[in-house]
């Protein structure tokens, strides 16, 4: 499609609107992160607190992506392939975390799993304390990011022709074998997109995390909580350096998704 000259003015207006809303703030993160030079930036990143926060965030994000890769795919499969009473209601429940403020998610988890919660006070005598620990953070991130995995996989399941699955059954395949050898390969694009989106959102999750983690230094402090704590303490160089690392990781994930989407579109076009 050839560029339309009449689109230059609307495009320019859009850029002018996005400039103060998105482009300049993102640019400011990197400008302030490297204002003292790369050596100063690197010295901040190498501090014990910054290294722990970044490593801990990445590990939690990996665990969240793995857990929701399984749970989200299963939820999408059930909602797409089965008919049962309350299916629409269950679909709403699965996607509900998108509409709930994350700080409310954290509060609800505390009311259930916290020391005074319905389940937490029963687990406390057994020495099990999920809140203010990595387990609680992981639970909160799974809760918040589940809809992204379901949203990436379910449309592909809805579009998948049932004839392929039925053909597998006719040659003696079990439901698990049909899923593994027929359905799962068709979901590769959705699985990758969902896992990367889940990872990215987990990496930057703040609202629920601050409620269930306790923001304990070198124990439960994720990178977003570290940034917040450093800003509160007036340590702008430390906050901006870690923020720049998170932004760079987000850009990498975005470009991987963009490249994968183009490759997937090209392969579909080739098959046609």
Protein backbone atom coordinates (compact mmCIF):
# COMPACT_ATOMS: atom_id res chain seq x y z
CA UNK A 1 0.00 0.00 0.00
CA UNK A 2 1.42 3.37 -1.04
CA UNK A 3 1.65 6.15 1.58
CA UNK A 4 -1.20 8.62 1.41
CA UNK A 5 -0.10 12.26 1.60
CA UNK A 6 -3.39 13.20 3.21
CA UNK A 7 -2.42 11.03 6.18
CA UNK A 8 0.61 13.19 6.99
CA UNK A 9 -1.36 15.75 9.01
CA UNK A 10 -3.29 13.23 11.19
CA UNK A 11 -0.07 11.26 11.72
CA UNK A 12 1.75 14.43 12.78
CA UNK A 13 -1.01 15.26 15.25
CA UNK A 14 -0.82 11.74 16.68
CA UNK A 15 2.96 12.04 17.12
CA UNK A 16 2.56 15.42 18.85
CA UNK A 17 0.01 13.87 21.24
CA UNK A 18 2.16 10.81 21.95
CA UNK A 19 5.33 12.86 22.41
CA UNK A 20 4.57 14.14 25.95
CA UNK A 21 2.45 11.10 26.87
CA UNK A 22 4.79 8.24 25.91
CA UNK A 23 7.90 9.09 23.92
CA UNK A 24 9.40 11.82 26.11
CA UNK A 25 8.76 10.04 29.45
CA UNK A 26 10.38 6.85 28.13
CA UNK A 27 13.29 8.83 26.77
CA UNK A 28 13.66 10.65 30.11
CA UNK A 29 14.20 7.34 31.91
CA UNK A 30 17.28 6.56 29.82
CA UNK A 31 18.57 10.15 29.84
CA UNK A 32 18.51 10.32 33.64
CA UNK A 33 19.79 6.75 34.01
CA UNK A 34 22.93 7.55 31.98
CA UNK A 35 23.32 11.18 33.03
CA UNK A 36 26.37 10.31 35.11
CA UNK A 37 27.84 8.13 32.37
CA UNK A 38 27.82 4.39 31.78
CA UNK A 39 30.24 3.75 34.65
CA UNK A 40 27.88 5.37 37.16
CA UNK A 41 24.95 3.43 35.70
CA UNK A 42 26.88 0.18 35.93
CA UNK A 43 27.96 0.86 39.51
CA UNK A 44 24.30 1.26 40.51
CA UNK A 45 23.26 -1.94 38.75
CA UNK A 46 26.05 -3.86 40.47
CA UNK A 47 24.93 -2.93 43.98
CA UNK A 48 23.60 -5.81 46.06
CA UNK A 49 20.09 -4.37 46.40
CA UNK A 50 19.70 -3.65 42.67
CA UNK A 51 21.04 -7.04 41.62
CA UNK A 52 18.74 -8.85 44.03
CA UNK A 53 15.67 -6.85 42.94
CA UNK A 54 16.31 -7.47 39.24
CA UNK A 55 17.16 -11.15 39.70
CA UNK A 56 14.17 -11.71 41.98
CA UNK A 57 11.80 -9.98 39.53
CA UNK A 58 13.06 -12.06 36.62
CA UNK A 59 12.69 -15.31 38.60
CA UNK A 60 9.16 -14.41 39.70
CA UNK A 61 8.27 -13.43 36.11
CA UNK A 62 9.66 -16.75 34.80
CA UNK A 63 7.69 -18.69 37.41
CA UNK A 64 4.54 -16.73 36.57
CA UNK A 65 4.98 -17.31 32.83
CA UNK A 66 5.52 -21.05 33.38
CA UNK A 67 2.53 -21.40 35.71
CA UNK A 68 0.19 -19.42 33.50
CA UNK A 69 1.55 -21.15 30.40
CA UNK A 70 0.02 -24.32 31.84
CA UNK A 71 -2.98 -22.94 33.72
CA UNK A 72 -3.90 -20.35 31.08
CA UNK A 73 -3.70 -22.87 28.24
CA UNK A 74 -5.84 -25.34 30.21
CA UNK A 75 -8.40 -22.62 31.00
CA UNK A 76 -8.52 -21.53 27.35
CA UNK A 77 -8.97 -25.16 26.22
CA UNK A 78 -11.82 -25.81 28.66
CA UNK A 79 -13.61 -22.57 27.74
CA UNK A 80 -13.17 -23.17 24.02
CA UNK A 81 -13.77 -26.91 23.62
CA UNK A 82 -16.39 -27.78 26.24
CA UNK A 83 -20.02 -26.83 26.71
CA UNK A 84 -21.34 -26.68 30.25
CA UNK A 85 -23.67 -24.73 32.47
CA UNK A 86 -22.13 -21.44 33.63
CA UNK A 87 -19.55 -21.30 30.83
CA UNK A 88 -20.05 -17.57 30.21
CA UNK A 89 -19.87 -16.81 33.92
CA UNK A 90 -16.65 -18.81 34.24
CA UNK A 91 -15.21 -16.92 31.26
CA UNK A 92 -15.99 -13.63 33.02
CA UNK A 93 -14.32 -14.87 36.21
CA UNK A 94 -11.16 -15.89 34.34
CA UNK A 95 -10.89 -12.44 32.77
CA UNK A 96 -11.95 -10.54 35.90
CA UNK A 97 -8.39 -9.62 37.01
CA UNK A 98 -8.15 -7.24 34.04
CA UNK A 99 -10.98 -5.13 35.49
CA UNK A 100 -9.90 -5.26 39.14
CA UNK A 101 -7.29 -2.77 40.43
CA UNK A 102 -4.17 -4.73 41.27
CA UNK A 103 -4.01 -3.25 44.76
CA UNK A 104 -7.46 -4.76 45.38
CA UNK A 105 -6.08 -8.11 44.20
CA UNK A 106 -3.31 -7.84 46.77
CA UNK A 107 -5.78 -6.92 49.50
CA UNK A 108 -8.05 -9.86 48.65
CA UNK A 109 -5.12 -12.27 48.77
CA UNK A 110 -4.13 -10.92 52.18
CA UNK A 111 -7.68 -11.40 53.45
CA UNK A 112 -7.53 -15.05 52.34
CA UNK A 113 -3.88 -16.12 52.79
CA UNK A 114 -2.61 -13.54 55.29
CA UNK A 115 -1.94 -14.27 58.98
CA UNK A 116 -5.49 -13.18 59.86
CA UNK A 117 -7.10 -14.51 56.67
CA UNK A 118 -9.57 -17.36 56.32
CA UNK A 119 -6.93 -19.85 55.17
CA UNK A 120 -3.85 -18.08 56.48
CA UNK A 121 -4.77 -18.35 60.16
CA UNK A 122 -5.23 -22.11 59.70
CA UNK A 123 -1.87 -22.47 57.96
CA UNK A 124 -0.03 -20.29 60.47
CA UNK A 125 0.12 -22.98 63.24
CA UNK A 126 1.63 -25.34 60.64
CA UNK A 127 4.44 -22.89 59.94
CA UNK A 128 3.16 -22.08 56.44
CA UNK A 129 3.23 -18.35 55.68
CA UNK A 130 2.51 -17.65 52.01
CA UNK A 131 2.14 -13.89 52.41
CA UNK A 132 5.19 -11.58 52.69
CA UNK A 133 7.17 -14.32 50.98
CA UNK A 134 8.06 -15.27 47.38
CA UNK A 135 5.10 -17.69 47.29
CA UNK A 136 2.65 -14.87 47.94
CA UNK A 137 4.20 -12.69 45.26
CA UNK A 138 4.05 -15.54 42.75
CA UNK A 139 0.40 -16.16 43.65
CA UNK A 140 -0.45 -12.49 43.13
CA UNK A 141 1.32 -12.37 39.76
CA UNK A 142 -0.44 -15.52 38.54
CA UNK A 143 -3.77 -13.99 39.56
CA UNK A 144 -3.09 -10.69 37.77
CA UNK A 145 -1.62 -12.07 34.53
CA UNK A 146 -3.82 -15.13 33.87
CA UNK A 147 -6.17 -13.27 31.45
CA UNK A 148 -3.25 -12.38 29.15
CA UNK A 149 -2.43 -16.04 28.60
CA UNK A 150 -6.07 -17.02 28.09
CA UNK A 151 -6.60 -14.10 25.72
CA UNK A 152 -3.62 -15.13 23.58
CA UNK A 153 -4.51 -18.83 23.30
CA UNK A 154 -8.31 -19.01 23.25
CA UNK A 155 -8.87 -17.21 19.90
CA UNK A 156 -6.60 -19.75 18.20
CA UNK A 157 -8.52 -22.62 19.77
CA UNK A 158 -11.82 -21.07 18.66
CA UNK A 159 -10.54 -20.81 15.07
CA UNK A 160 -9.04 -24.31 14.97
CA UNK A 161 -11.10 -26.66 12.85
CA UNK A 162 -12.49 -29.57 14.84
CA UNK A 163 -11.99 -31.91 11.88
CA UNK A 164 -8.26 -32.20 12.65
CA UNK A 165 -8.95 -33.24 16.23
CA UNK A 166 -11.71 -35.63 15.16
CA UNK A 167 -9.38 -37.22 12.59
CA UNK A 168 -6.89 -37.93 15.38
CA UNK A 169 -9.61 -39.64 17.40
CA UNK A 170 -10.60 -41.86 14.45
CA UNK A 171 -7.08 -43.33 14.29
CA UNK A 172 -7.14 -44.17 17.99
CA UNK A 173 -5.55 -41.11 19.58
CA UNK A 174 -6.50 -40.26 23.14
CA UNK A 175 -7.63 -36.77 24.09
CA UNK A 176 -4.16 -36.03 25.47
CA UNK A 177 -2.45 -37.31 22.30
CA UNK A 178 -4.77 -35.23 20.12
CA UNK A 179 -3.97 -32.17 22.21
CA UNK A 180 -0.22 -32.81 22.17
CA UNK A 181 0.25 -33.69 18.50
CA UNK A 182 -2.60 -31.79 16.80
CA UNK A 183 -3.72 -28.83 18.89
CA UNK A 184 -0.51 -27.81 20.65
CA UNK A 185 1.54 -27.25 17.46
CA UNK A 186 -1.24 -24.97 16.16
CA UNK A 187 -1.00 -22.88 19.32
CA UNK A 188 2.71 -22.02 19.10
CA UNK A 189 2.18 -18.37 18.19
CA UNK A 190 -0.44 -17.86 20.89
CA UNK A 191 1.64 -19.67 23.50
CA UNK A 192 4.72 -17.56 22.77
CA UNK A 193 2.71 -14.33 22.76
CA UNK A 194 0.90 -15.23 25.98
CA UNK A 195 4.08 -16.30 27.78
CA UNK A 196 5.94 -13.13 26.76
CA UNK A 197 3.01 -10.88 27.70
CA UNK A 198 2.66 -12.67 31.02
CA UNK A 199 6.39 -12.32 31.66
CA UNK A 200 6.38 -8.61 30.77
CA UNK A 201 3.37 -7.78 32.94
CA UNK A 202 4.77 -9.80 35.84
CA UNK A 203 8.10 -8.02 35.52
CA UNK A 204 6.44 -4.63 36.02
CA UNK A 205 3.66 -5.59 38.45
CA UNK A 206 3.44 -3.23 41.41
CA UNK A 207 -0.01 -2.83 42.99
CA UNK A 208 -0.65 -6.40 44.13
CA UNK A 209 3.04 -6.98 44.87
CA UNK A 210 3.37 -4.12 47.33
CA UNK A 211 0.44 -5.51 49.34
CA UNK A 212 1.59 -9.14 49.61
CA UNK A 213 5.38 -8.79 49.68
CA UNK A 214 6.03 -6.47 52.60
CA UNK A 215 8.74 -4.83 50.40
CA UNK A 216 11.45 -6.50 52.46
CA UNK A 217 14.98 -5.60 51.34
CA UNK A 218 16.94 -8.56 49.94
CA UNK A 219 13.98 -10.85 50.64
CA UNK A 220 10.81 -9.86 48.79
CA UNK A 221 11.71 -6.58 47.08
CA UNK A 222 11.04 -6.77 43.34
CA UNK A 223 12.50 -4.29 40.86
CA UNK A 224 9.36 -2.07 40.73
CA UNK A 225 9.31 -1.96 44.55
CA UNK A 226 13.03 -1.13 44.57
CA UNK A 227 12.41 1.76 42.16
CA UNK A 228 9.58 3.06 44.34
CA UNK A 229 11.68 2.78 47.52
CA UNK A 230 14.62 4.60 45.93
CA UNK A 231 12.40 7.42 44.66
CA UNK A 232 10.93 7.80 48.13
CA UNK A 233 14.44 7.99 49.59
CA UNK A 234 15.48 10.57 47.00
CA UNK A 235 17.99 8.24 45.30
CA UNK A 236 17.03 9.15 41.74
CA UNK A 237 20.13 7.67 40.08
CA UNK A 238 19.46 4.24 41.60
CA UNK A 239 15.75 4.36 40.73
CA UNK A 240 16.33 5.48 37.13
CA UNK A 241 19.06 2.90 36.50
CA UNK A 242 16.83 -0.06 37.43
CA UNK A 243 13.87 1.54 35.61
CA UNK A 244 16.01 1.74 32.46
CA UNK A 245 16.83 -1.99 32.72
CA UNK A 246 13.14 -2.87 33.04
CA UNK A 247 12.28 -0.59 30.11
CA UNK A 248 14.99 -2.20 27.97
CA UNK A 249 13.69 -5.69 28.80
CA UNK A 250 10.18 -4.57 27.88
CA UNK A 251 11.42 -3.23 24.53
CA UNK A 252 13.13 -6.55 23.79
CA UNK A 253 9.94 -8.47 24.56
CA UNK A 254 7.91 -6.07 22.41
CA UNK A 255 10.20 -6.48 19.40
CA UNK A 256 10.23 -10.27 19.80
CA UNK A 257 6.43 -10.25 19.75
CA UNK A 258 6.43 -7.92 16.73
CA UNK A 259 8.92 -10.08 14.82
CA UNK A 260 7.09 -13.29 15.71
CA UNK A 261 3.80 -11.78 14.56
CA UNK A 262 5.29 -10.87 11.19
CA UNK A 263 6.80 -14.33 10.77
CA UNK A 264 3.47 -15.94 11.67
CA UNK A 265 1.60 -13.74 9.19
CA UNK A 266 4.13 -14.61 6.48
CA UNK A 267 3.81 -18.34 7.14
CA UNK A 268 0.02 -18.12 6.99
CA UNK A 269 0.23 -16.23 3.74
CA UNK A 270 2.56 -18.88 2.33
CA UNK A 271 0.17 -21.67 3.27
CA UNK A 272 -2.65 -19.90 1.46
